[in-house]
C-alpha atoms as a PDB file:
ATOM      1  CA  UNK A   1      95.643 109.327 134.450  1.00  0.00           C
ATOM      2  CA  UNK A   2      95.056 110.335 130.850  1.00  0.00           C
ATOM      3  CA  UNK A   3      97.892 111.501 128.637  1.00  0.00           C
ATOM      4  CA  UNK A   4      95.612 114.309 127.492  1.00  0.00           C
ATOM      5  CA  UNK A   5      94.032 116.855 129.830  1.00  0.00           C
ATOM      6  CA  UNK A   6      90.316 117.455 129.536  1.00  0.00           C
ATOM      7  CA  UNK A   7      89.714 120.217 127.024  1.00  0.00           C
ATOM      8  CA  UNK A   8      93.204 119.866 125.539  1.00  0.00           C
ATOM      9  CA  UNK A   9      91.922 118.852 122.122  1.00  0.00           C
ATOM     10  CA  UNK A  10      94.661 120.576 120.089  1.00  0.00           C
ATOM     11  CA  UNK A  11      98.430 120.523 120.423  1.00  0.00           C
ATOM     12  CA  UNK A  12     101.269 122.413 118.771  1.00  0.00           C
ATOM     13  CA  UNK A  13     103.598 120.691 116.331  1.00  0.00           C
ATOM     14  CA  UNK A  14     106.388 120.819 118.910  1.00  0.00           C
ATOM     15  CA  UNK A  15     104.171 119.086 121.484  1.00  0.00           C
ATOM     16  CA  UNK A  16     103.084 116.544 118.850  1.00  0.00           C
ATOM     17  CA  UNK A  17     106.734 115.867 118.000  1.00  0.00           C
ATOM     18  CA  UNK A  18     107.642 115.432 121.665  1.00  0.00           C
ATOM     19  CA  UNK A  19     104.753 113.030 122.316  1.00  0.00           C
ATOM     20  CA  UNK A  20     105.156 110.877 119.202  1.00  0.00           C
ATOM     21  CA  UNK A  21     108.802 110.685 118.174  1.00  0.00           C
ATOM     22  CA  UNK A  22     111.613 108.588 119.570  1.00  0.00           C
ATOM     23  CA  UNK A  23     111.893 105.555 121.801  1.00  0.00           C
ATOM     24  CA  UNK A  24     109.975 107.179 124.660  1.00  0.00           C
ATOM     25  CA  UNK A  25     106.984 108.219 122.528  1.00  0.00           C
ATOM     26  CA  UNK A  26     103.826 108.196 124.616  1.00  0.00           C
ATOM     27  CA  UNK A  27     101.399 108.487 121.680  1.00  0.00           C
ATOM     28  CA  UNK A  28     100.956 107.566 118.024  1.00  0.00           C
ATOM     29  CA  UNK A  29     101.075 110.208 115.287  1.00  0.00           C
ATOM     30  CA  UNK A  30      98.119 109.361 113.059  1.00  0.00           C
ATOM     31  CA  UNK A  31      98.176 110.980 109.609  1.00  0.00           C
ATOM     32  CA  UNK A  32      94.655 111.226 108.143  1.00  0.00           C
ATOM     33  CA  UNK A  33      95.550 112.682 104.736  1.00  0.00           C
ATOM     34  CA  UNK A  34      94.860 110.849 101.491  1.00  0.00           C
ATOM     35  CA  UNK A  35      97.331 108.415  99.912  1.00  0.00           C
ATOM     36  CA  UNK A  36      98.920 110.857  97.444  1.00  0.00           C
ATOM     37  CA  UNK A  37      99.551 113.383 100.231  1.00  0.00           C
ATOM     38  CA  UNK A  38     101.051 110.668 102.449  1.00  0.00           C
ATOM     39  CA  UNK A  39     103.286 109.439  99.606  1.00  0.00           C
ATOM     40  CA  UNK A  40     104.653 112.945  98.976  1.00  0.00           C
ATOM     41  CA  UNK A  41     105.662 113.483 102.593  1.00  0.00           C
ATOM     42  CA  UNK A  42     104.811 112.480 106.141  1.00  0.00           C
ATOM     43  CA  UNK A  43     106.435 112.432 109.555  1.00  0.00           C
ATOM     44  CA  UNK A  44     108.758 109.483 110.155  1.00  0.00           C
ATOM     45  CA  UNK A  45     107.043 106.852 112.275  1.00  0.00           C
ATOM     46  CA  UNK A  46     103.552 108.182 111.615  1.00  0.00           C
ATOM     47  CA  UNK A  47     100.733 105.755 110.930  1.00  0.00           C
ATOM     48  CA  UNK A  48      98.484 106.361 107.934  1.00  0.00           C
ATOM     49  CA  UNK A  49      94.690 106.156 108.178  1.00  0.00           C
ATOM     50  CA  UNK A  50      92.872 108.486 105.742  1.00  0.00           C
ATOM     51  CA  UNK A  51      89.918 110.374 107.177  1.00  0.00           C
ATOM     52  CA  UNK A  52      87.771 109.199 104.262  1.00  0.00           C
ATOM     53  CA  UNK A  53      88.264 105.595 105.394  1.00  0.00           C
ATOM     54  CA  UNK A  54      87.808 106.343 109.084  1.00  0.00           C
ATOM     55  CA  UNK A  55      84.570 108.192 108.309  1.00  0.00           C
ATOM     56  CA  UNK A  56      83.383 105.168 106.317  1.00  0.00           C
ATOM     57  CA  UNK A  57      83.844 103.001 109.409  1.00  0.00           C
ATOM     58  CA  UNK A  58      87.246 101.452 108.741  1.00  0.00           C
ATOM     59  CA  UNK A  59      89.032 100.445 111.937  1.00  0.00           C
ATOM     60  CA  UNK A  60      92.296 101.995 113.003  1.00  0.00           C
ATOM     61  CA  UNK A  61      95.473 100.198 111.950  1.00  0.00           C
ATOM     62  CA  UNK A  62      96.495  97.742 114.665  1.00  0.00           C
ATOM     63  CA  UNK A  63      99.572  99.792 115.655  1.00  0.00           C
ATOM     64  CA  UNK A  64      97.285 102.706 116.571  1.00  0.00           C
ATOM     65  CA  UNK A  65      94.700 100.797 118.584  1.00  0.00           C
ATOM     66  CA  UNK A  66      94.454 101.267 122.351  1.00  0.00           C
ATOM     67  CA  UNK A  67      97.080 104.038 122.262  1.00  0.00           C
ATOM     68  CA  UNK A  68      96.743 107.806 122.684  1.00  0.00           C
ATOM     69  CA  UNK A  69      96.523 109.434 119.251  1.00  0.00           C
ATOM     70  CA  UNK A  70      97.922 112.712 117.984  1.00  0.00           C
ATOM     71  CA  UNK A  71      96.087 113.286 114.710  1.00  0.00           C
ATOM     72  CA  UNK A  72      97.588 115.307 111.864  1.00  0.00           C
ATOM     73  CA  UNK A  73      96.564 116.363 108.342  1.00  0.00           C
ATOM     74  CA  UNK A  74      97.843 119.048 105.979  1.00  0.00           C
ATOM     75  CA  UNK A  75      96.518 122.165 107.744  1.00  0.00           C
ATOM     76  CA  UNK A  76      94.499 121.023 110.765  1.00  0.00           C
ATOM     77  CA  UNK A  77      90.952 120.834 109.406  1.00  0.00           C
ATOM     78  CA  UNK A  78      90.649 117.120 108.683  1.00  0.00           C
ATOM     79  CA  UNK A  79      92.595 116.224 111.797  1.00  0.00           C
ATOM     80  CA  UNK A  80      90.031 118.085 113.937  1.00  0.00           C
ATOM     81  CA  UNK A  81      87.255 116.054 112.318  1.00  0.00           C
ATOM     82  CA  UNK A  82      89.181 112.812 112.739  1.00  0.00           C
ATOM     83  CA  UNK A  83      90.045 113.505 116.386  1.00  0.00           C
ATOM     84  CA  UNK A  84      86.376 114.195 117.137  1.00  0.00           C
ATOM     85  CA  UNK A  85      85.292 111.021 115.321  1.00  0.00           C
ATOM     86  CA  UNK A  86      87.902 108.912 117.104  1.00  0.00           C
ATOM     87  CA  UNK A  87      87.016 110.413 120.486  1.00  0.00           C
ATOM     88  CA  UNK A  88      83.371 109.494 119.868  1.00  0.00           C
ATOM     89  CA  UNK A  89      84.591 105.934 119.242  1.00  0.00           C
ATOM     90  CA  UNK A  90      86.328 105.912 122.620  1.00  0.00           C
ATOM     91  CA  UNK A  91      89.904 106.762 121.615  1.00  0.00           C
ATOM     92  CA  UNK A  92      92.098 109.346 123.316  1.00  0.00           C
ATOM     93  CA  UNK A  93      92.758 111.751 120.457  1.00  0.00           C
ATOM     94  CA  UNK A  94      93.975 115.309 119.957  1.00  0.00           C
ATOM     95  CA  UNK A  95      94.773 117.098 116.735  1.00  0.00           C
ATOM     96  CA  UNK A  96      97.773 119.136 115.656  1.00  0.00           C
ATOM     97  CA  UNK A  97      97.329 122.869 115.098  1.00  0.00           C
ATOM     98  CA  UNK A  98      98.530 123.808 111.624  1.00  0.00           C
ATOM     99  CA  UNK A  99      99.043 120.203 110.511  1.00  0.00           C
ATOM    100  CA  UNK A 100     101.928 119.000 108.356  1.00  0.00           C
ATOM    101  CA  UNK A 101     102.471 122.489 106.955  1.00  0.00           C
ATOM    102  CA  UNK A 102     103.294 123.736 110.451  1.00  0.00           C
ATOM    103  CA  UNK A 103     105.256 120.524 111.193  1.00  0.00           C
ATOM    104  CA  UNK A 104     107.560 121.118 108.212  1.00  0.00           C
ATOM    105  CA  UNK A 105     107.790 124.877 108.866  1.00  0.00           C
ATOM    106  CA  UNK A 106     108.981 124.099 112.421  1.00  0.00           C
ATOM    107  CA  UNK A 107     111.833 122.056 110.944  1.00  0.00           C
ATOM    108  CA  UNK A 108     110.532 118.631 111.942  1.00  0.00           C
ATOM    109  CA  UNK A 109     111.449 115.822 109.521  1.00  0.00           C
ATOM    110  CA  UNK A 110     109.301 114.887 106.531  1.00  0.00           C
ATOM    111  CA  UNK A 111     109.946 111.771 104.439  1.00  0.00           C
ATOM    112  CA  UNK A 112     108.347 110.459 101.272  1.00  0.00           C
ATOM    113  CA  UNK A 113     107.060 106.947 100.620  1.00  0.00           C
ATOM    114  CA  UNK A 114     110.645 105.764 100.001  1.00  0.00           C
ATOM    115  CA  UNK A 115     112.117 107.358 103.118  1.00  0.00           C
ATOM    116  CA  UNK A 116     113.781 110.227 101.226  1.00  0.00           C
ATOM    117  CA  UNK A 117     113.222 113.909 101.975  1.00  0.00           C
ATOM    118  CA  UNK A 118     109.537 114.558 101.426  1.00  0.00           C
ATOM    119  CA  UNK A 119     107.302 117.527 100.752  1.00  0.00           C
ATOM    120  CA  UNK A 120     103.862 118.566 101.877  1.00  0.00           C
ATOM    121  CA  UNK A 121     101.311 118.115  99.090  1.00  0.00           C
END
């Protein structure tokens, strides 16, 4: 049985947090923003794979392969594109409504490249 229901191509930040954080995480949080955005602030434990690289044909990082993916960007636009692209490549992928802006607004943690409190660029 799939982690994601058919037609469930978007999830809330709370659902994304539940599915991707902690020892019992059932999916990988894949951040598709560019490097400077990632450096400023991202979710702890997320894996970085910029949409620009994915669109150019770069493979997923090994930690994200063969795992369900919850894809996030700043506001939800790029993550929709990435989730569609990854689904076409055979991955199980959904995107996060509202992206990292909504993630931070919901009070979920954001860290910078050094592990300190981060911000959404």
